[in-house]
Every structure is written in C-alpha cells, then in structure tokens.
Amino acid sequence: MARLPAGIRFIISFSRDQWYRAFIFILTFLLYASFHLSRKPISIVKGELHKYCTAWDEANVRFSSKAGSVAPDQLADNETDCGWAPFDKSNYQQLLGALDYSFLCAYAVGMYLSGIIGERLPIRYYLTFGMLASGAFTALFGLGYFYNIHSFGFYVVTQVINGLVQTTGWPSVVTCLGNWFGKGRRGLIMGVWNSHTSVGNILGSLIAGYWVSTCWGLSFVVPGAIVAAMGIVCFLFLIEHPKDVRCSSTLVTHSKAYENGTNRLRLQKQILKSEKNRPLDPEMQCLLLSDGKGSVHANHMVILPGDSGSATAAISFTGALKIPGVIEFSLCLLFAKLVSYTFLFWLPLYITNVDHLDAKKAGELSTLFDVGGIFGGILAGVISDRLEKRATTCGLMLLLAAPTLYIFSTISKMGLEATVAMLLLSGALVSGPYALITTAVSADLGTHKSLKGNAHALSTVTAIIDGTGSVGAALGPLLAGLISPSGWSNVFYMLMFADACALLI
C-alpha cells in the first residue's frame, strides 16, 4: 500500500470535532473583525472632515486670483480654508466627539438588551440581521459624501442606529465560541481569538485610509459592504452549538460520561493530599479520565444538564448581576474600555496634530497601536492561564499602563521613531486587560459554578460586562473631544486617571 501524501496525513491527524472547532474559531474571528473594521473609518476620516488647506496648490491659487473668482470647493460660511460642513467650524472637536458619543452611547444602552434578546433567539439569525443592518448604516454614513449632505442630525442618527444594531455582535460570537470551547486554556484561546479586534481595526484603517483623501465616502461604503457580505456568510455557515452537528461539547474527547436520563455526571480530577485544604478554583477543575473503576467522592462530581433534558430557563438581568465578580469586572472594564476607545477614535487625529502628518499617513501609523494590542491580548491570556488568576493579570498590566501613557504623551512629540515605539507598547498594555475581561473573564463568569450548568447565562453576562464597558467607551471619546482644545496633555491625564480607577477596582 502506498504511503499517504503528507497533506492527507495532516488532515486525518485531526478529529472531526477538532476540524469543526477550528472552523468556528476562524469564522467567528472574521465575523467580529468585520464589525470592528466598520467602526474604524470615522476616526480616519476626522482629519479630512476638518482640515486647514492653507497650502493650496499655488497654480490653483494664481488661477483663481486671475479669474477673480472663488474656488468652487470653498464654502462661504467656512471658518477654515476647506473641510466638510458642519465640521469645518472652530467647534469641530466637540461635533466629532458628539458623533463618537452617539454611536457608543447607543451601543452601551443596546448592549444590556442585546444579551437578553440574544438568549431567546437563534444566534445565527440574530447575528445575521445585525451584520446586514450594520453594513447598511455604515454605508449610509458614507453616502452623505455622494449626496452632499451637511446636516449634523443625519450623521448623528446614522451613528445611533448603527450603534444599536452592532450590539448583536459581541454576545452572539462569545456565546457561540463558549459553546464550542471548554475552560481548558481558555485565556490563551480567547487571547488569540480576541485579536480580531486589532485585526479589524488595522484593516479598517487601511481601507478607510486608501480613499480618505480622494473620496472619503468610500471609506464607509466599502467597509459597510464587507460587513453585509460577512452577514450572508454567517447565515450560510455559522453553527451555534456542537450538538447541532453531533460533536462533543467540550475539548476533552476521551472522558467518559455517565447519564441517568436527565443529568450527565462527569468525574472530576482527584485532589492531591497536599491540596485537600486548598479551595478549588473552578477555572482549573479538569475532567477525570476515568475507566469507571474506583470510588469518587461526591464533592468531586459536577452535575450538568443532559442534552435530552428540558431546556433551562434563561437567566434574568438581576440574576446575572448576582454572579460573583460580574459587577467588579464590569466596572473595571468601564475604565479600561474608556482608555481603549479613546485611542480607537482619536489616535489618528492626535498623530496628525503632533507629528503633522496627513490623514492617510496618520491612519496607517495608528495601526501600530492595534498591532501592539494583538500581542497584549495574547500575552494577557497566556499569563492568566499560567498564574490561574485573571484579576491579578489585569491589575499588573493596568499598573504598567498608566506610567506608559505618561511617557507616550511626553516623548511622542520628539519624533516619529519615538511615536512608533510607544504606540506598540501602549497598545499591548491598554488592550491586554480589555481583551482578557471581554473574553476569558466573561466566559468564565457566564459558566460560573453558581449557575449549576445553566448554559443560557453566557450571553446575558457577556452583554452586562461589555455593556458597562461601553459606557466608558462612550465617555472616553466624548471627554477627549471636550478636553483636547485645552491641550492633548490633559487628555492623557484623563486616561491615566481612568487606568488608576480600573486598577483600584
């Protein structure tokens, strides 16, 4: 018999369950990356909506002066040489901040409801609707360029509705991933998976930056089309739960399950004598590979609802708040996300003002913050798995983030090289705690032992934590818009204060 080709041997070396898990991992990664891809254009386009065009092409200026006419692009009520009304006035920072606040405030409010609704609807349909609607309203913002719309209300309403429909994304993808992956190495798995945030931001910056100086409307229309296309992919391919394709529900494939018709009993790893008096960490309990022989103490047994049993009722909002750690981590995420989203929405404009780059180059440079965020999220996951302490890992990175932000505000004015280095470091330390709380911590709390196997709680817990964090995400860019006229240093002081608050909580 001829030896199988290397490629075929590689394929058959993985089980059917592992291939399905890999597929769901990649699919949910791409789905939520497209959400973030559509959020990034507004930060890139800010430098184009308001800019000083004092350096017009001299030939055009001479031509205009000889003809005795005014350049067609120049508006009569413009306080700057050029820009896009109504963002061409001196209060442009407040107006741009209000756009961010409109989106993020709607996102924060909608997130609390989204998790509750998502538990009661099929994830695939719910997520598909959200992606199609988000794509439509992202593109609608860009159509304001093509139809010459200068109404501030139009852009605010578009941002509000887009913020509401985007709340369908996070609870859905986290719940789906939580269904497919157990707690083993959850920090590393979700640390890698959560890099979709940074990947989406990078792609969004590059796509929006490609058209920002020539046709900024396409900076929104193209990402909107991508999100809508991914919504169709979601409808065609997303598998909500392993049982839908007869796969095992956990990563452990060799453990034996014992069923009594209603409940499934799984044996826990025996505790060593030296660890008898040490309280068990529910994150670190492993399933025992038992051969059915010997006795096991009742304390080492966990009762999970059987697949054939009746469906467990969805958890209430107040019930989810009573889960230990939900309120604490929600408040911590509020301040951590305040810092992260201030960078997300204002970093390109800051680079434009400090390093005197155009909108396209500033957008490309800002992607380094997200590159650092990829490494920060993975590093936080690995450390938390090793230490077996999520809170300690978050606290350590927050402790290092505050002085790093101060150094960033100081040396970024010294040149481009200093800015590049600090962008990478700041991105890692700012995004690490944010990534860990929104993924591994949320999944841990959503499957907490106090829930007694209720799988319906994960979506609500995730929505509460991310919804509270989104309140901070709404406040950060708004405060940046209000504070930045008094100097960018004050914005960084605000960010350092938020980091300190997150650390104290």
Protein backbone atom coordinates (compact mmCIF):
# COMPACT_ATOMS: atom_id res chain seq x y z
CA MET A 1 0.00 0.00 0.00
CA ALA A 2 1.36 3.38 -1.00
CA ARG A 3 2.07 5.86 1.77
CA LEU A 4 -0.47 8.64 2.09
CA PRO A 5 0.62 12.13 0.96
CA ALA A 6 1.79 14.47 3.71
CA GLY A 7 -1.20 16.76 3.24
CA ILE A 8 -3.70 13.94 3.68
CA ARG A 9 -1.84 12.66 6.74
CA PHE A 10 -2.07 16.13 8.22
CA ILE A 11 -5.82 16.29 7.59
CA ILE A 12 -6.62 12.90 9.12
CA SER A 13 -4.39 13.60 12.14
CA PHE A 14 -7.19 15.81 13.47
CA SER A 15 -10.57 14.54 14.55
CA ARG A 16 -13.89 15.66 13.12
CA ASP A 17 -14.58 17.65 16.29
CA GLN A 18 -11.26 19.48 16.03
CA TRP A 19 -11.90 20.50 12.44
CA TYR A 20 -15.32 21.87 13.35
CA ARG A 21 -13.85 23.80 16.28
CA ALA A 22 -11.15 25.29 14.08
CA PHE A 23 -13.79 26.30 11.55
CA ILE A 24 -15.96 28.02 14.20
CA PHE A 25 -12.89 29.72 15.68
CA ILE A 26 -11.91 31.21 12.31
CA LEU A 27 -15.46 32.07 11.28
CA THR A 28 -16.36 33.94 14.49
CA PHE A 29 -12.95 35.66 14.32
CA LEU A 30 -13.72 37.01 10.84
CA LEU A 31 -17.31 37.92 11.71
CA TYR A 32 -16.40 40.17 14.60
CA ALA A 33 -13.29 41.53 12.86
CA SER A 34 -15.66 42.89 10.22
CA PHE A 35 -17.66 44.69 12.94
CA HIS A 36 -14.52 46.48 14.10
CA LEU A 37 -13.50 47.10 10.53
CA SER A 38 -16.67 49.19 10.12
CA ARG A 39 -16.06 51.19 13.34
CA LYS A 40 -12.62 52.46 12.40
CA PRO A 41 -13.37 54.73 9.38
CA ILE A 42 -14.83 57.56 11.48
CA SER A 43 -11.50 58.04 13.28
CA ILE A 44 -9.61 58.06 9.97
CA VAL A 45 -11.97 60.49 8.24
CA LYS A 46 -11.92 63.04 11.09
CA GLY A 47 -8.76 64.60 9.73
CA GLU A 48 -10.49 65.04 6.36
CA LEU A 49 -13.79 66.38 7.70
CA HIS A 50 -11.87 69.25 9.29
CA LYS A 51 -8.57 70.41 7.88
CA TYR A 52 -6.71 73.60 7.10
CA CYS A 53 -6.00 73.88 3.41
CA THR A 54 -3.73 76.92 3.58
CA ALA A 55 -1.22 75.01 1.46
CA TRP A 56 -3.33 75.01 -1.66
CA ASP A 57 -1.68 74.25 -4.93
CA GLU A 58 -0.11 77.56 -5.96
CA ALA A 59 -1.22 77.15 -9.55
CA ASN A 60 -4.85 76.92 -8.48
CA VAL A 61 -4.48 79.97 -6.27
CA ARG A 62 -2.95 82.02 -9.07
CA PHE A 63 -5.64 80.86 -11.48
CA SER A 64 -8.39 81.81 -9.05
CA SER A 65 -6.88 85.26 -8.41
CA LYS A 66 -6.51 85.98 -12.12
CA ALA A 67 -10.05 84.92 -12.87
CA GLY A 68 -11.32 87.00 -9.97
CA SER A 69 -13.38 84.09 -8.66
CA VAL A 70 -13.55 81.96 -5.56
CA ALA A 71 -12.51 78.32 -5.62
CA PRO A 72 -15.58 76.12 -6.02
CA ASP A 73 -14.70 73.90 -3.06
CA GLN A 74 -14.57 76.84 -0.68
CA LEU A 75 -17.78 77.42 1.26
CA ALA A 76 -18.95 80.91 2.09
CA ASP A 77 -19.54 80.18 5.77
CA ASN A 78 -16.31 78.25 6.26
CA GLU A 79 -14.03 79.36 9.06
CA THR A 80 -11.21 77.27 7.63
CA ASP A 81 -9.93 77.13 4.08
CA CYS A 82 -11.73 73.88 3.42
CA GLY A 83 -13.48 70.97 5.14
CA TRP A 84 -16.87 69.32 5.25
CA ALA A 85 -19.66 71.33 6.81
CA PRO A 86 -20.72 71.29 9.60
CA PHE A 87 -17.33 70.02 10.81
CA ASP A 88 -15.44 72.96 9.33
CA LYS A 89 -16.11 75.32 12.25
CA SER A 90 -13.97 76.04 15.27
CA ASN A 91 -16.10 73.71 17.43
CA TYR A 92 -15.27 70.73 15.22
CA GLN A 93 -13.76 68.73 18.09
CA GLN A 94 -17.00 68.90 20.06
CA LEU A 95 -19.02 67.89 16.98
CA LEU A 96 -16.74 64.96 16.18
CA GLY A 97 -16.82 63.93 19.82
CA ALA A 98 -20.62 64.02 19.71
CA LEU A 99 -20.56 61.62 16.74
CA ASP A 100 -18.47 59.16 18.74
CA TYR A 101 -20.70 59.60 21.78
CA SER A 102 -23.85 58.99 19.72
CA PHE A 103 -22.57 55.66 18.45
CA LEU A 104 -21.08 54.47 21.73
CA CYS A 105 -23.93 55.61 23.97
CA ALA A 106 -26.43 53.77 21.76
CA TYR A 107 -24.09 50.77 21.81
CA ALA A 108 -23.88 50.81 25.61
CA VAL A 109 -27.64 51.06 26.11
CA GLY A 110 -28.41 48.48 23.45
CA MET A 111 -25.86 46.02 24.80
CA TYR A 112 -27.81 45.47 28.02
CA LEU A 113 -30.87 44.49 25.99
CA SER A 114 -28.97 42.61 23.31
CA GLY A 115 -27.78 39.80 25.56
CA ILE A 116 -31.25 39.20 26.95
CA ILE A 117 -32.79 39.17 23.46
CA GLY A 118 -29.96 37.06 22.06
CA GLU A 119 -30.58 34.29 24.60
CA ARG A 120 -34.11 33.91 23.34
CA LEU A 121 -33.41 33.94 19.59
CA PRO A 122 -31.30 31.69 17.35
CA ILE A 123 -27.79 33.14 17.31
CA ARG A 124 -27.36 32.68 13.57
CA TYR A 125 -30.46 34.67 12.65
CA TYR A 126 -29.82 37.34 15.27
CA LEU A 127 -26.22 37.90 14.22
CA THR A 128 -27.06 37.87 10.51
CA PHE A 129 -29.69 40.59 11.00
CA GLY A 130 -27.22 42.71 12.97
CA MET A 131 -24.49 42.44 10.36
CA LEU A 132 -26.76 43.26 7.43
CA ALA A 133 -28.21 46.27 9.26
CA SER A 134 -24.78 47.44 10.40
CA GLY A 135 -23.46 47.23 6.87
CA ALA A 136 -26.38 49.29 5.59
CA PHE A 137 -25.98 52.11 8.12
CA THR A 138 -22.19 52.21 7.83
CA ALA A 139 -22.58 52.68 4.09
CA LEU A 140 -25.35 55.25 4.68
CA PHE A 141 -22.89 57.49 6.55
CA GLY A 142 -20.61 57.43 3.51
CA LEU A 143 -23.48 58.25 1.16
CA GLY A 144 -23.59 61.67 2.82
CA TYR A 145 -20.48 62.46 0.78
CA PHE A 146 -22.00 61.46 -2.55
CA TYR A 147 -25.33 63.23 -1.91
CA ASN A 148 -23.63 66.32 -0.44
CA ILE A 149 -25.41 66.05 2.92
CA HIS A 150 -24.27 68.62 5.50
CA SER A 151 -26.88 68.01 8.19
CA PHE A 152 -25.31 67.17 11.53
CA GLY A 153 -28.53 65.40 12.55
CA PHE A 154 -28.22 62.98 9.63
CA TYR A 155 -24.82 61.78 10.76
CA VAL A 156 -25.86 61.56 14.42
CA VAL A 157 -28.97 59.48 13.68
CA THR A 158 -26.95 57.17 11.43
CA GLN A 159 -24.41 56.65 14.21
CA VAL A 160 -27.11 55.98 16.82
CA ILE A 161 -28.86 53.30 14.76
CA ASN A 162 -25.56 51.74 13.76
CA GLY A 163 -24.54 51.57 17.41
CA LEU A 164 -27.77 49.80 18.33
CA VAL A 165 -27.58 47.12 15.62
CA GLN A 166 -23.89 46.43 16.30
CA THR A 167 -24.80 45.23 19.79
CA THR A 168 -25.96 41.97 18.21
CA GLY A 169 -22.36 41.01 17.52
CA TRP A 170 -20.44 40.56 20.75
CA PRO A 171 -22.89 38.47 22.85
CA SER A 172 -23.53 36.25 19.84
CA VAL A 173 -19.94 35.42 18.93
CA VAL A 174 -18.81 34.97 22.56
CA THR A 175 -21.76 32.68 23.29
CA CYS A 176 -21.07 30.64 20.16
CA LEU A 177 -17.38 30.31 21.00
CA GLY A 178 -18.22 29.47 24.60
CA ASN A 179 -20.47 26.65 23.36
CA TRP A 180 -17.64 25.13 21.36
CA PHE A 181 -14.68 25.54 23.72
CA GLY A 182 -14.34 24.45 27.33
CA LYS A 183 -12.39 26.14 30.09
CA GLY A 184 -9.07 24.44 29.44
CA ARG A 185 -6.52 27.04 28.26
CA ARG A 186 -9.36 29.50 27.81
CA GLY A 187 -7.10 32.51 28.39
CA LEU A 188 -4.76 31.57 25.53
CA ILE A 189 -7.54 30.52 23.15
CA MET A 190 -9.57 33.67 23.70
CA GLY A 191 -6.47 35.83 23.79
CA VAL A 192 -5.62 34.71 20.28
CA TRP A 193 -9.25 34.89 19.19
CA ASN A 194 -9.73 38.40 20.60
CA SER A 195 -7.02 39.71 18.28
CA HIS A 196 -9.90 40.05 15.81
CA THR A 197 -10.43 43.46 17.42
CA SER A 198 -6.99 44.67 16.41
CA VAL A 199 -7.07 42.92 13.04
CA GLY A 200 -10.41 44.58 12.27
CA ASN A 201 -9.07 47.97 13.35
CA ILE A 202 -5.97 47.56 11.19
CA LEU A 203 -7.96 46.53 8.11
CA GLY A 204 -10.48 49.31 8.73
CA SER A 205 -7.67 51.88 8.98
CA LEU A 206 -6.03 50.70 5.78
CA ILE A 207 -9.28 50.51 3.80
CA ALA A 208 -10.55 53.88 5.03
CA GLY A 209 -7.13 55.47 4.57
CA TYR A 210 -6.97 54.36 0.95
CA TRP A 211 -9.87 56.64 -0.02
CA VAL A 212 -9.85 59.25 2.74
CA SER A 213 -8.01 61.94 0.79
CA THR A 214 -9.79 61.40 -2.52
CA CYS A 215 -13.32 60.18 -1.78
CA TRP A 216 -13.98 59.71 1.94
CA GLY A 217 -17.48 58.40 1.26
CA LEU A 218 -15.94 55.13 0.05
CA SER A 219 -14.14 54.87 3.39
CA PHE A 220 -17.57 53.96 4.80
CA VAL A 221 -19.31 52.34 1.84
CA VAL A 222 -16.64 49.66 1.30
CA PRO A 223 -16.46 48.55 4.98
CA GLY A 224 -20.27 48.56 5.06
CA ALA A 225 -20.37 46.23 2.07
CA ILE A 226 -17.84 43.93 3.73
CA VAL A 227 -19.88 43.68 6.94
CA ALA A 228 -23.05 42.92 4.98
CA ALA A 229 -21.25 40.25 2.94
CA MET A 230 -19.97 38.64 6.14
CA GLY A 231 -23.56 38.65 7.40
CA ILE A 232 -24.52 36.44 4.47
CA VAL A 233 -21.56 34.15 5.27
CA CYS A 234 -22.81 33.97 8.85
CA PHE A 235 -26.28 32.92 7.73
CA LEU A 236 -24.88 30.20 5.48
CA PHE A 237 -22.19 28.69 7.70
CA LEU A 238 -22.46 29.54 11.43
CA ILE A 239 -23.09 26.50 13.68
CA GLU A 240 -24.36 27.63 17.07
CA HIS A 241 -23.70 24.54 19.15
CA PRO A 242 -21.63 21.34 18.81
CA LYS A 243 -24.72 19.19 19.30
CA ASP A 244 -26.15 20.61 16.04
CA VAL A 245 -23.54 18.56 14.15
CA ARG A 246 -23.19 15.81 16.77
CA CYS A 247 -19.86 17.00 18.12
CA SER A 248 -18.78 16.81 21.76
CA SER A 249 -19.47 19.87 23.88
CA THR A 250 -16.02 20.08 25.48
CA LEU A 251 -12.42 19.93 24.37
CA VAL A 252 -11.94 16.71 26.37
CA THR A 253 -12.78 13.93 23.96
CA HIS A 254 -11.68 10.86 25.93
CA SER A 255 -13.58 11.37 29.18
CA LYS A 256 -16.48 9.07 29.96
CA ALA A 257 -19.91 10.45 30.68
CA TYR A 258 -22.49 8.66 32.76
CA GLU A 259 -26.11 9.50 32.12
CA ASN A 260 -29.21 8.83 34.19
CA GLY A 261 -31.67 10.13 31.57
CA THR A 262 -31.91 13.65 32.89
CA ASN A 263 -28.46 14.67 34.10
CA ARG A 264 -24.97 13.88 32.86
CA LEU A 265 -22.39 13.16 35.54
CA ARG A 266 -18.75 13.82 34.92
CA LEU A 267 -15.95 12.83 37.28
CA GLN A 268 -13.54 15.47 38.42
CA LYS A 269 -9.82 15.02 38.82
CA GLN A 270 -8.87 13.73 42.25
CA ILE A 271 -7.34 16.24 44.60
CA LEU A 272 -3.87 15.51 45.82
CA LYS A 273 -3.47 15.08 49.57
CA SER A 274 -1.35 18.22 49.76
CA GLU A 275 -4.20 20.21 48.17
CA LYS A 276 -7.07 18.88 50.26
CA ASN A 277 -7.34 22.02 52.34
CA ARG A 278 -6.90 24.35 49.39
CA PRO A 279 -10.17 25.72 47.93
CA LEU A 280 -10.81 24.54 44.39
CA ASP A 281 -10.54 27.13 41.62
CA PRO A 282 -13.49 26.40 39.32
CA GLU A 283 -11.42 27.60 36.37
CA MET A 284 -8.85 24.90 36.94
CA GLN A 285 -11.04 21.85 37.62
CA CYS A 286 -10.39 19.19 34.99
CA LEU A 287 -12.37 16.20 33.92
CA LEU A 288 -11.05 12.87 35.18
CA LEU A 289 -10.19 10.30 32.53
CA SER A 290 -11.80 7.53 34.48
CA ASP A 291 -12.10 3.90 33.47
CA GLY A 292 -15.14 3.52 35.65
CA LYS A 293 -13.24 1.75 38.48
CA GLY A 294 -12.85 3.02 42.00
CA SER A 295 -14.96 5.37 44.02
CA VAL A 296 -15.08 9.11 43.71
CA HIS A 297 -16.12 11.50 46.42
CA ALA A 298 -19.35 13.38 45.82
CA ASN A 299 -17.54 16.71 46.16
CA HIS A 300 -15.60 15.90 43.00
CA MET A 301 -18.69 15.47 40.89
CA VAL A 302 -20.36 18.19 38.80
CA ILE A 303 -23.92 17.84 37.52
CA LEU A 304 -24.53 19.20 34.05
CA PRO A 305 -27.87 19.33 32.28
CA GLY A 306 -28.35 16.47 29.88
CA ASP A 307 -28.81 17.09 26.17
CA SER A 308 -32.15 15.34 26.18
CA GLY A 309 -33.49 17.16 29.20
CA SER A 310 -35.82 20.06 29.18
CA ALA A 311 -34.40 23.44 28.31
CA THR A 312 -33.14 25.55 31.19
CA ALA A 313 -34.82 28.91 31.59
CA ALA A 314 -32.82 31.95 30.53
CA ILE A 315 -31.27 33.85 33.42
CA SER A 316 -32.70 37.24 34.42
CA PHE A 317 -30.76 40.50 34.39
CA THR A 318 -30.70 40.73 38.19
CA GLY A 319 -29.79 37.06 38.44
CA ALA A 320 -26.76 37.64 36.25
CA LEU A 321 -25.68 40.59 38.42
CA LYS A 322 -25.64 38.30 41.48
CA ILE A 323 -22.95 36.09 39.96
CA PRO A 324 -19.74 36.74 41.95
CA GLY A 325 -17.38 39.02 40.05
CA VAL A 326 -19.78 40.33 37.41
CA ILE A 327 -20.19 43.81 38.94
CA GLU A 328 -16.50 44.18 39.80
CA PHE A 329 -15.21 43.20 36.37
CA SER A 330 -17.93 45.28 34.68
CA LEU A 331 -16.75 48.43 36.46
CA CYS A 332 -13.12 47.58 35.75
CA LEU A 333 -13.93 47.21 32.06
CA LEU A 334 -15.73 50.57 32.11
CA PHE A 335 -12.47 52.38 32.78
CA ALA A 336 -10.31 50.04 30.68
CA LYS A 337 -12.57 50.46 27.66
CA LEU A 338 -12.68 54.23 28.19
CA VAL A 339 -8.93 54.30 27.54
CA SER A 340 -9.02 51.82 24.65
CA TYR A 341 -11.81 53.52 22.73
CA THR A 342 -10.34 56.99 23.21
CA PHE A 343 -7.31 55.70 21.32
CA LEU A 344 -9.55 53.99 18.78
CA PHE A 345 -11.45 57.16 17.86
CA TRP A 346 -8.90 59.94 18.48
CA LEU A 347 -5.44 58.50 17.90
CA PRO A 348 -5.22 59.34 14.15
CA LEU A 349 -6.19 62.96 14.82
CA TYR A 350 -3.67 63.17 17.67
CA ILE A 351 -0.92 61.87 15.37
CA THR A 352 -1.98 64.38 12.71
CA ASN A 353 -1.67 67.28 15.17
CA VAL A 354 1.52 66.17 16.91
CA ASP A 355 3.53 64.65 14.06
CA HIS A 356 1.99 66.87 11.34
CA LEU A 357 1.02 64.01 9.05
CA ASP A 358 -1.89 63.89 6.62
CA ALA A 359 -4.99 61.81 7.39
CA LYS A 360 -3.86 58.81 5.33
CA LYS A 361 -0.40 58.52 6.89
CA ALA A 362 -1.77 59.13 10.39
CA GLY A 363 -4.30 56.34 9.88
CA GLU A 364 -1.61 53.93 8.73
CA LEU A 365 0.63 54.83 11.68
CA SER A 366 -2.23 54.38 14.17
CA THR A 367 -2.45 50.70 13.20
CA LEU A 368 0.71 50.09 15.23
CA PHE A 369 -1.39 50.58 18.37
CA ASP A 370 -3.56 47.68 17.23
CA VAL A 371 -0.51 45.57 16.37
CA GLY A 372 0.61 46.03 19.96
CA GLY A 373 -2.93 45.14 21.04
CA ILE A 374 -2.68 41.74 19.32
CA PHE A 375 0.41 40.82 21.34
CA GLY A 376 -1.06 42.33 24.51
CA GLY A 377 -4.24 40.24 24.30
CA ILE A 378 -2.35 37.00 23.69
CA LEU A 379 0.18 37.79 26.43
CA ALA A 380 -2.60 38.52 28.93
CA GLY A 381 -4.25 35.19 28.10
CA VAL A 382 -1.04 33.20 28.48
CA ILE A 383 -0.11 34.85 31.78
CA SER A 384 -3.60 34.40 33.23
CA ASP A 385 -3.55 30.70 32.31
CA ARG A 386 -0.15 30.24 33.93
CA LEU A 387 -0.97 32.20 37.09
CA GLU A 388 -4.55 30.90 37.16
CA LYS A 389 -5.52 34.43 38.15
CA ARG A 390 -7.43 36.67 35.74
CA ALA A 391 -7.74 39.65 38.11
CA THR A 392 -4.03 39.65 39.01
CA THR A 393 -3.06 39.68 35.34
CA CYS A 394 -5.39 42.61 34.61
CA GLY A 395 -4.08 44.53 37.62
CA LEU A 396 -0.45 44.04 36.61
CA MET A 397 -0.99 45.33 33.07
CA LEU A 398 -3.09 48.28 34.29
CA LEU A 399 -0.33 49.17 36.75
CA LEU A 400 2.19 49.34 33.91
CA ALA A 401 -0.20 51.11 31.51
CA ALA A 402 -0.60 54.35 33.49
CA PRO A 403 3.08 55.40 33.51
CA THR A 404 3.42 54.21 29.91
CA LEU A 405 0.69 56.64 28.85
CA TYR A 406 2.54 59.48 30.57
CA ILE A 407 5.77 58.57 28.78
CA PHE A 408 3.84 58.34 25.50
CA SER A 409 2.44 61.87 25.89
CA THR A 410 5.94 63.17 26.64
CA ILE A 411 8.20 61.55 24.07
CA SER A 412 5.74 61.23 21.17
CA LYS A 413 6.44 64.90 20.45
CA MET A 414 10.12 64.13 19.94
CA GLY A 415 9.72 62.49 16.57
CA LEU A 416 8.23 59.69 14.54
CA GLU A 417 10.54 56.96 15.88
CA ALA A 418 9.51 57.60 19.48
CA THR A 419 5.86 57.57 18.48
CA VAL A 420 6.21 54.17 16.79
CA ALA A 421 7.81 52.55 19.83
CA MET A 422 5.27 53.96 22.29
CA LEU A 423 2.34 53.02 20.08
CA LEU A 424 3.36 49.35 20.19
CA LEU A 425 3.97 49.34 23.94
CA SER A 426 0.85 51.32 24.82
CA GLY A 427 -1.29 49.14 22.56
CA ALA A 428 -0.13 45.98 24.35
CA LEU A 429 -0.70 47.30 27.88
CA VAL A 430 -4.01 49.06 27.16
CA SER A 431 -5.57 46.28 25.10
CA GLY A 432 -4.41 43.37 27.28
CA PRO A 433 -6.80 43.87 30.25
CA TYR A 434 -9.62 44.94 27.93
CA ALA A 435 -9.23 41.78 25.83
CA LEU A 436 -8.98 39.49 28.86
CA ILE A 437 -12.09 40.84 30.58
CA THR A 438 -14.30 40.85 27.48
CA THR A 439 -13.40 37.28 26.50
CA ALA A 440 -11.98 34.81 29.03
CA VAL A 441 -13.35 36.53 32.14
CA SER A 442 -16.82 36.95 30.60
CA ALA A 443 -16.86 33.30 29.54
CA ASP A 444 -15.68 32.19 32.99
CA LEU A 445 -18.39 34.17 34.76
CA GLY A 446 -21.05 33.12 32.24
CA THR A 447 -20.31 29.47 33.07
CA HIS A 448 -19.74 30.03 36.80
CA LYS A 449 -20.38 27.08 39.11
CA SER A 450 -23.17 29.02 40.87
CA LEU A 451 -25.22 28.73 37.67
CA LYS A 452 -25.40 24.94 38.08
CA GLY A 453 -24.92 24.26 34.39
CA ASN A 454 -27.28 26.91 33.00
CA ALA A 455 -25.83 27.47 29.54
CA HIS A 456 -28.25 30.32 28.82
CA ALA A 457 -26.45 32.75 31.14
CA LEU A 458 -23.36 33.36 29.00
CA SER A 459 -24.99 35.80 26.58
CA THR A 460 -26.53 37.92 29.35
CA VAL A 461 -23.34 38.00 31.44
CA THR A 462 -21.28 38.94 28.38
CA ALA A 463 -23.75 41.70 27.49
CA ILE A 464 -23.72 43.14 31.04
CA ILE A 465 -19.94 43.25 31.23
CA ASP A 466 -19.44 44.63 27.72
CA GLY A 467 -22.43 46.98 28.07
CA THR A 468 -20.97 48.53 31.22
CA GLY A 469 -17.62 48.77 29.50
CA SER A 470 -19.31 50.52 26.59
CA VAL A 471 -20.47 53.27 28.94
CA GLY A 472 -16.78 54.02 29.44
CA ALA A 473 -16.22 53.66 25.72
CA ALA A 474 -18.85 56.36 25.17
CA LEU A 475 -17.46 58.69 27.82
CA GLY A 476 -13.82 58.45 26.71
CA PRO A 477 -14.10 59.89 23.18
CA LEU A 478 -16.64 62.47 24.40
CA LEU A 479 -14.30 63.68 27.15
CA ALA A 480 -11.40 63.68 24.70
CA GLY A 481 -13.37 65.98 22.40
CA LEU A 482 -14.16 68.33 25.26
CA ILE A 483 -10.69 68.32 26.83
CA SER A 484 -8.45 68.30 23.74
CA PRO A 485 -8.93 72.04 22.95
CA SER A 486 -7.11 72.78 26.23
CA GLY A 487 -4.21 70.57 25.20
CA TRP A 488 -3.55 66.91 24.43
CA SER A 489 -1.60 66.52 27.68
CA ASN A 490 -4.83 66.93 29.61
CA VAL A 491 -6.39 64.11 27.57
CA PHE A 492 -3.56 61.80 28.64
CA TYR A 493 -4.02 62.82 32.28
CA MET A 494 -7.66 61.81 31.96
CA LEU A 495 -6.63 58.44 30.50
CA MET A 496 -4.13 57.84 33.30
CA PHE A 497 -6.80 58.63 35.90
CA ALA A 498 -9.15 56.11 34.25
CA ASP A 499 -6.41 53.46 34.33
CA ALA A 500 -5.87 54.11 38.02
CA CYS A 501 -9.59 53.72 38.71
CA ALA A 502 -9.66 50.40 36.85
CA LEU A 503 -6.68 49.23 38.88
CA LEU A 504 -8.31 50.18 42.21
CA ILE A 505 -11.50 48.30 41.35
